[in-house]
Protein backbone atom coordinates (compact mmCIF):
# COMPACT_ATOMS: atom_id res chain seq x y z
CA UNK A 1 0.00 0.00 0.00
CA UNK A 2 1.22 3.50 -0.85
CA UNK A 3 1.22 5.54 2.34
CA UNK A 4 -1.37 8.28 2.68
CA UNK A 5 0.85 10.84 4.44
CA UNK A 6 0.63 13.39 1.63
CA UNK A 7 -3.05 12.79 0.94
CA UNK A 8 -5.78 15.14 2.10
CA UNK A 9 -7.11 13.38 5.20
CA UNK A 10 -9.57 15.48 7.19
CA UNK A 11 -11.76 12.91 8.91
CA UNK A 12 -10.64 9.58 10.35
CA UNK A 13 -12.72 6.87 11.98
CA UNK A 14 -11.05 4.32 14.25
CA UNK A 15 -12.96 1.07 14.60
CA UNK A 16 -12.05 -0.64 17.86
CA UNK A 17 -15.21 -1.12 19.92
CA UNK A 18 -13.76 -3.35 22.64
CA UNK A 19 -12.28 -4.54 24.93
CA UNK A 20 -10.67 -2.28 27.56
CA UNK A 21 -7.17 -3.63 27.01
CA UNK A 22 -7.59 -3.62 23.22
CA UNK A 23 -8.52 0.06 23.26
CA UNK A 24 -5.35 0.96 25.16
CA UNK A 25 -3.43 -1.23 22.70
CA UNK A 26 -4.57 1.14 19.95
CA UNK A 27 -3.39 4.38 21.54
CA UNK A 28 0.20 4.30 20.17
CA UNK A 29 -1.12 3.64 16.64
CA UNK A 30 -3.72 6.40 17.01
CA UNK A 31 -0.97 8.81 18.10
CA UNK A 32 1.02 7.95 14.96
CA UNK A 33 -2.03 8.66 12.78
CA UNK A 34 -2.38 12.03 14.51
CA UNK A 35 1.29 12.83 13.87
CA UNK A 36 0.79 12.13 10.16
CA UNK A 37 -2.51 13.98 9.91
CA UNK A 38 -2.35 16.69 12.60
CA UNK A 39 -5.34 18.62 11.25
CA UNK A 40 -7.62 15.59 10.99
CA UNK A 41 -10.76 15.05 13.06
CA UNK A 42 -10.82 11.66 14.82
CA UNK A 43 -13.97 9.69 15.61
CA UNK A 44 -14.02 6.32 17.40
CA UNK A 45 -16.50 3.45 17.12
CA UNK A 46 -16.77 2.01 20.63
CA UNK A 47 -19.02 0.17 23.05
CA UNK A 48 -20.76 2.79 25.22
CA UNK A 49 -19.72 1.18 28.52
CA UNK A 50 -16.05 1.71 27.57
CA UNK A 51 -16.27 5.38 26.61
CA UNK A 52 -14.41 6.44 29.76
CA UNK A 53 -11.30 4.77 28.33
CA UNK A 54 -11.22 7.20 25.40
CA UNK A 55 -10.88 10.11 27.84
CA UNK A 56 -7.29 8.84 28.25
CA UNK A 57 -6.60 8.74 24.52
CA UNK A 58 -3.45 10.63 23.44
CA UNK A 59 -5.53 11.77 20.44
CA UNK A 60 -8.44 14.15 20.85
CA UNK A 61 -11.63 12.31 19.95
CA UNK A 62 -14.23 14.45 18.25
CA UNK A 63 -17.11 11.96 18.36
CA UNK A 64 -17.60 8.61 20.09
CA UNK A 65 -20.00 6.49 18.06
CA UNK A 66 -21.87 3.88 20.09
CA UNK A 67 -21.72 0.20 19.28
CA UNK A 68 -24.64 -1.04 21.43
CA UNK A 69 -23.58 -4.67 21.47
CA UNK A 70 -25.86 -5.65 24.35
CA UNK A 71 -28.94 -4.32 22.57
CA UNK A 72 -27.90 -5.99 19.34
CA UNK A 73 -27.61 -9.35 21.09
CA UNK A 74 -31.34 -9.33 21.77
CA UNK A 75 -33.84 -10.24 19.06
CA UNK A 76 -36.39 -7.55 19.95
CA UNK A 77 -33.91 -4.69 20.08
CA UNK A 78 -31.51 -5.78 17.32
CA UNK A 79 -33.10 -4.01 14.37
CA UNK A 80 -33.64 -0.58 15.97
CA UNK A 81 -30.14 -0.72 17.49
CA UNK A 82 -28.61 -1.72 14.14
CA UNK A 83 -30.38 1.07 12.27
CA UNK A 84 -29.34 3.56 14.93
CA UNK A 85 -25.68 2.56 14.54
CA UNK A 86 -25.78 2.81 10.76
CA UNK A 87 -27.38 6.24 10.96
CA UNK A 88 -24.66 7.46 13.34
CA UNK A 89 -21.84 6.00 11.25
CA UNK A 90 -23.13 7.54 8.03
CA UNK A 91 -23.51 11.06 9.40
CA UNK A 92 -19.95 11.74 8.27
CA UNK A 93 -18.02 10.87 5.12
CA UNK A 94 -14.58 9.73 6.23
CA UNK A 95 -11.38 10.11 4.28
CA UNK A 96 -9.94 7.15 6.17
CA UNK A 97 -11.39 4.33 8.27
CA UNK A 98 -9.01 2.01 10.11
CA UNK A 99 -10.43 -1.25 11.48
CA UNK A 100 -8.09 -2.37 14.26
CA UNK A 101 -10.58 -5.01 15.46
CA UNK A 102 -10.35 -7.38 12.50
CA UNK A 103 -13.59 -9.23 13.18
CA UNK A 104 -16.41 -9.87 10.73
CA UNK A 105 -18.71 -7.78 12.93
CA UNK A 106 -16.42 -4.75 12.90
CA UNK A 107 -15.79 -5.16 9.17
CA UNK A 108 -19.52 -5.13 8.44
CA UNK A 109 -19.87 -1.76 10.10
CA UNK A 110 -16.72 -0.54 8.36
CA UNK A 111 -18.20 -1.49 4.98
CA UNK A 112 -21.45 0.35 5.73
CA UNK A 113 -19.70 3.67 6.38
CA UNK A 114 -19.16 6.36 3.78
CA UNK A 115 -15.42 6.43 3.16
CA UNK A 116 -12.76 6.96 0.52
CA UNK A 117 -10.33 4.51 2.13
CA UNK A 118 -11.00 1.54 4.43
CA UNK A 119 -7.90 -0.10 5.83
CA UNK A 120 -7.41 -3.28 7.84
CA UNK A 121 -5.15 -6.26 8.35
CA UNK A 122 -4.50 -8.55 5.39
CA UNK A 123 -4.75 -11.44 7.88
CA UNK A 124 -7.38 -10.26 10.36
CA UNK A 125 -8.62 -12.26 13.34
CA UNK A 126 -11.56 -13.43 11.22
CA UNK A 127 -10.61 -13.99 7.59
CA UNK A 128 -13.88 -12.73 6.11
CA UNK A 129 -13.27 -9.28 7.59
CA UNK A 130 -10.70 -8.48 4.89
CA UNK A 131 -13.47 -8.31 2.29
CA UNK A 132 -14.53 -4.95 3.78
CA UNK A 133 -11.18 -3.24 3.24
CA UNK A 134 -10.11 -1.30 0.18
CA UNK A 135 -6.51 -1.55 1.45
CA UNK A 136 -5.20 -4.63 3.21
CA UNK A 137 -1.93 -4.40 5.16
CA UNK A 138 0.28 -7.42 5.67
CA UNK A 139 1.97 -7.18 9.07
CA UNK A 140 5.58 -8.41 9.45
CA UNK A 141 5.91 -11.72 11.30
CA UNK A 142 8.14 -10.07 13.88
CA UNK A 143 5.14 -8.08 15.10
CA UNK A 144 3.62 -10.50 17.59
CA UNK A 145 2.15 -8.31 20.31
CA UNK A 146 -1.16 -6.56 19.61
CA UNK A 147 0.43 -3.14 20.19
CA UNK A 148 3.16 -3.85 17.64
CA UNK A 149 0.63 -5.10 15.09
CA UNK A 150 -1.46 -1.95 15.49
CA UNK A 151 1.63 0.25 15.19
CA UNK A 152 2.73 -1.62 12.05
CA UNK A 153 -0.69 -0.98 10.52
CA UNK A 154 -0.43 2.73 11.31
CA UNK A 155 3.15 2.89 9.99
CA UNK A 156 2.03 1.42 6.66
CA UNK A 157 -0.75 3.98 6.40
CA UNK A 158 1.34 7.00 7.39
CA UNK A 159 4.82 6.19 6.13
CA UNK A 160 6.10 7.27 9.54
CA UNK A 161 8.15 5.31 12.06
CA UNK A 162 6.65 5.09 15.52
CA UNK A 163 8.74 6.61 18.34
CA UNK A 164 10.45 4.20 20.72
CA UNK A 165 8.49 5.48 23.72
CA UNK A 166 4.78 5.07 24.33
CA UNK A 167 2.70 8.25 24.01
CA UNK A 168 1.93 10.17 27.19
CA UNK A 169 -1.68 9.81 28.28
CA UNK A 170 -3.64 12.80 29.58
CA UNK A 171 -4.82 13.30 33.14
CA UNK A 172 -8.59 13.41 33.48
CA UNK A 173 -9.76 15.71 36.25
CA UNK A 174 -13.31 14.34 36.02
CA UNK A 175 -12.10 11.03 37.45
CA UNK A 176 -9.46 12.35 39.85
CA UNK A 177 -11.89 13.99 42.26
CA UNK A 178 -14.19 10.98 42.82
CA UNK A 179 -11.14 8.73 43.23
CA UNK A 180 -9.81 11.14 45.86
CA UNK A 181 -13.12 10.75 47.70
CA UNK A 182 -13.07 6.94 47.42
CA UNK A 183 -9.49 6.79 48.68
CA UNK A 184 -10.29 9.10 51.60
CA UNK A 185 -13.25 6.92 52.56
CA UNK A 186 -10.94 3.90 52.71
CA UNK A 187 -8.17 5.68 54.62
CA UNK A 188 -5.77 5.95 51.68
CA UNK A 189 -3.60 9.07 51.75
CA UNK A 190 -1.97 10.86 48.83
CA UNK A 191 1.52 9.78 49.91
CA UNK A 192 0.69 6.12 50.57
CA UNK A 193 2.68 3.53 48.66
CA UNK A 194 0.16 1.46 46.75
CA UNK A 195 0.46 -1.97 45.18
CA UNK A 196 -2.56 -2.50 42.94
CA UNK A 197 -3.99 -6.02 42.99
CA UNK A 198 -6.35 -7.11 40.18
CA UNK A 199 -7.82 -10.59 40.78
CA UNK A 200 -10.69 -10.53 38.26
CA UNK A 201 -10.81 -12.07 34.81
CA UNK A 202 -13.57 -13.22 32.47
CA UNK A 203 -12.16 -16.73 31.94
CA UNK A 204 -12.08 -19.20 34.83
CA UNK A 205 -8.71 -20.38 33.56
CA UNK A 206 -7.32 -16.84 33.91
CA UNK A 207 -8.73 -16.37 37.40
CA UNK A 208 -6.41 -17.54 40.18
CA UNK A 209 -8.20 -18.49 43.43
CA UNK A 210 -8.72 -15.91 46.21
CA UNK A 211 -6.41 -17.85 48.52
CA UNK A 212 -3.56 -17.33 46.06
CA UNK A 213 -3.98 -13.56 46.08
CA UNK A 214 -4.44 -13.54 49.85
CA UNK A 215 -1.18 -15.44 50.21
CA UNK A 216 0.64 -12.91 48.03
CA UNK A 217 -0.87 -10.04 50.02
CA UNK A 218 0.11 -11.49 53.42
CA UNK A 219 3.65 -12.29 52.32
CA UNK A 220 4.15 -8.87 50.73
CA UNK A 221 2.75 -6.83 53.63
CA UNK A 222 4.67 -8.88 56.19
CA UNK A 223 7.91 -7.69 54.61
CA UNK A 224 6.67 -4.22 53.62
CA UNK A 225 4.33 -2.96 56.38
CA UNK A 226 4.63 0.63 55.15
CA UNK A 227 2.81 -0.29 51.92
CA UNK A 228 -0.89 -0.72 51.22
CA UNK A 229 -2.51 -3.11 48.75
CA UNK A 230 -5.46 -1.82 46.74
CA UNK A 231 -7.77 -4.43 45.22
CA UNK A 232 -9.22 -3.04 42.00
CA UNK A 233 -11.96 -4.52 39.88
CA UNK A 234 -15.43 -4.44 38.36
CA UNK A 235 -18.69 -5.15 40.23
CA UNK A 236 -18.39 -8.84 39.24
CA UNK A 237 -15.08 -8.95 41.13
CA UNK A 238 -16.52 -7.76 44.45
CA UNK A 239 -17.11 -11.26 45.83
CA UNK A 240 -13.61 -12.52 45.06
CA UNK A 241 -12.15 -9.29 46.51
CA UNK A 242 -14.10 -9.81 49.73
CA UNK A 243 -12.83 -13.39 49.96
CA UNK A 244 -9.24 -12.20 49.46
CA UNK A 245 -9.62 -9.56 52.18
CA UNK A 246 -11.22 -12.05 54.59
CA UNK A 247 -8.52 -14.67 53.97
CA UNK A 248 -5.60 -12.25 54.20
CA UNK A 249 -6.97 -10.36 57.24
CA UNK A 250 -4.47 -7.53 56.77
CA UNK A 251 -5.26 -3.98 57.88
CA UNK A 252 -3.33 -2.53 54.95
CA UNK A 253 -5.38 -4.47 52.38
CA UNK A 254 -8.19 -2.34 50.96
CA UNK A 255 -10.76 -3.27 48.31
CA UNK A 256 -12.50 -0.81 46.01
CA UNK A 257 -13.57 -3.55 43.56
CA UNK A 258 -16.99 -2.66 42.21
CA UNK A 259 -16.93 0.82 43.73
CA UNK A 260 -15.62 2.64 40.68
CA UNK A 261 -16.69 3.48 37.15
CA UNK A 262 -14.39 2.45 34.29
CA UNK A 263 -12.77 5.90 34.32
CA UNK A 264 -12.30 5.83 38.09
CA UNK A 265 -10.80 2.36 37.90
CA UNK A 266 -8.33 3.61 35.30
CA UNK A 267 -7.46 6.57 37.52
CA UNK A 268 -6.99 4.21 40.50
CA UNK A 269 -4.50 2.16 38.48
CA UNK A 270 -2.64 5.37 37.67
CA UNK A 271 -2.24 6.06 41.41
CA UNK A 272 -0.58 2.69 42.11
CA UNK A 273 3.18 2.28 42.07
CA UNK A 274 2.97 -1.15 40.42
CA UNK A 275 0.44 -3.91 39.78
CA UNK A 276 0.00 -7.60 40.61
CA UNK A 277 -2.66 -9.18 38.42
CA UNK A 278 -4.22 -11.98 36.43
CA UNK A 279 -4.16 -11.73 32.65
CA UNK A 280 -6.93 -9.15 32.28
CA UNK A 281 -7.68 -5.81 30.60
CA UNK A 282 -6.42 -3.57 33.43
CA UNK A 283 -2.83 -4.80 33.02
CA UNK A 284 -2.78 -3.07 29.63
CA UNK A 285 -4.01 0.12 31.25
CA UNK A 286 -1.16 -0.14 33.75
CA UNK A 287 1.40 -0.79 31.01
CA UNK A 288 0.17 2.26 29.08
CA UNK A 289 0.81 4.34 32.20
CA UNK A 290 4.31 2.78 32.39
CA UNK A 291 3.51 0.93 35.60
CA UNK A 292 5.46 -2.27 36.15
CA UNK A 293 3.13 -5.26 36.06
CA UNK A 294 3.62 -8.59 37.83
CA UNK A 295 1.25 -10.90 35.97
CA UNK A 296 0.31 -14.56 36.26
CA UNK A 297 -0.49 -16.28 32.96
CA UNK A 298 -1.98 -19.67 32.17
CA UNK A 299 -4.08 -20.28 29.04
CA UNK A 300 -2.82 -17.31 27.03
CA UNK A 301 0.48 -16.28 25.48
CA UNK A 302 2.10 -13.26 27.19
CA UNK A 303 4.15 -12.57 24.05
CA UNK A 304 0.90 -11.75 22.26
CA UNK A 305 -1.35 -10.40 24.99
CA UNK A 306 0.90 -9.66 27.95
CA UNK A 307 1.60 -6.17 29.31
CA UNK A 308 3.48 -4.20 26.67
CA UNK A 309 7.10 -3.27 27.38
CA UNK A 310 10.26 -4.85 28.73
CA UNK A 311 9.81 -3.71 32.36
CA UNK A 312 7.23 -6.30 33.46
CA UNK A 313 7.43 -9.67 35.23
CA UNK A 314 5.53 -12.69 33.89
CA UNK A 315 4.92 -15.88 35.87
CA UNK A 316 3.76 -18.95 33.96
CA UNK A 317 4.03 -22.65 34.69
CA UNK A 318 5.92 -24.91 32.31
CA UNK A 319 3.27 -27.44 31.36
CA UNK A 320 2.42 -29.31 28.17
CA UNK A 321 -1.06 -27.79 28.24
CA UNK A 322 0.06 -24.21 28.90
CA UNK A 323 -1.29 -21.52 26.54
CA UNK A 324 -4.22 -23.79 25.72
CA UNK A 325 -6.60 -20.85 25.08
CA UNK A 326 -9.36 -22.67 26.99
CA UNK A 327 -11.78 -20.62 29.09
CA UNK A 328 -12.16 -23.54 31.48
CA UNK A 329 -9.62 -26.23 32.29
CA UNK A 330 -10.63 -29.36 30.30
CA UNK A 331 -9.69 -31.75 33.12
CA UNK A 332 -10.69 -29.40 35.93
CA UNK A 333 -7.24 -29.44 37.53
CA UNK A 334 -6.21 -25.85 36.73
CA UNK A 335 -2.58 -26.96 37.11
CA UNK A 336 -1.41 -23.69 35.60
CA UNK A 337 -2.55 -21.98 38.83
CA UNK A 338 -0.01 -23.93 40.90
CA UNK A 339 2.57 -21.18 41.29
CA UNK A 340 4.86 -20.80 44.30
CA UNK A 341 3.50 -17.93 46.41
CA UNK A 342 6.71 -17.49 48.39
CA UNK A 343 8.77 -17.28 45.19
CA UNK A 344 6.45 -14.68 43.67
CA UNK A 345 6.39 -12.63 46.88
CA UNK A 346 10.18 -12.84 46.94
CA UNK A 347 10.32 -11.38 43.44
CA UNK A 348 8.16 -8.47 44.59
CA UNK A 349 10.46 -7.85 47.54
CA UNK A 350 13.58 -8.07 45.37
CA UNK A 351 12.01 -5.56 43.00
CA UNK A 352 11.56 -3.05 45.81
CA UNK A 353 15.02 -3.62 47.22
CA UNK A 354 16.80 -3.24 43.89
CA UNK A 355 14.75 -0.24 42.75
CA UNK A 356 12.07 -0.12 40.12
CA UNK A 357 13.10 -1.23 36.63
CA UNK A 358 11.13 1.63 35.13
CA UNK A 359 10.32 5.07 36.42
CA UNK A 360 6.56 5.63 36.73
């Protein structure tokens, strides 16, 4: 594909409706598009429940176009929701649409827009999606991580080389003040040292048991009593957070799981010094803020979907079935969850003693 850097590009639509981590994966590529087309207006096609995430975009978003997936999953509301989406998408004629999602669903909406150029991956996640693109970009095999694949797509479009550092993300005052109130309610002060703990995940195979996280918390706080651990998560994570707190029984362990909006959760992650987590969307938020992540992985490949950057720590068992991509363990053993708590806690302590690998 001939790059579009010298073309007249006034309106750009980014198609990346979900998930939370995937949206943050797109920010470096979006910043590169902005550098190539500094006068362009950017719109973003996104699920409405994730709109808070775009407040942290390094690119100013002119219009957030709703993808009401929940309404479209219901027979009675599908047609009105579908027509509403099409109407919103066709309000503008775009000079460039970039589909970073690469699914048939996203490609269908891409094809229904009014646009001069529609660009996507030559080998998207679902092969049929490529039929919607006027330009198909083949990504080099060396680009394994989602962030690198998105950047490679943007580089092909713009003819620019992405900078070596991740783009700075803006501060959002709208979320800072409510987080200050939540922290005050839980006795967290501005100068407290916070380890963020994220135990939630959508797959059972990605979700380590509460006793595992409680063990990490007890071991860490025993050696670092001046620190506090902040459990962060969605409303669905409230029960597991309560079980962790009950099992650990540590005064310096505080849970705000389920007490925050998406934007407030993102702001809470920003306040932490570093993160201990399952493989879940918030680790990508942390990585985008240049927070060191200590992550436990089982059914997925951290080279593809781990926290982006070389300043993180990944813990994964060496098993024949590892990286199986199963939502539930086929034999029910969840052997990948059998990690040594004392060894992991020791790595956290060594990290603090030796100094952080990356300045936050």
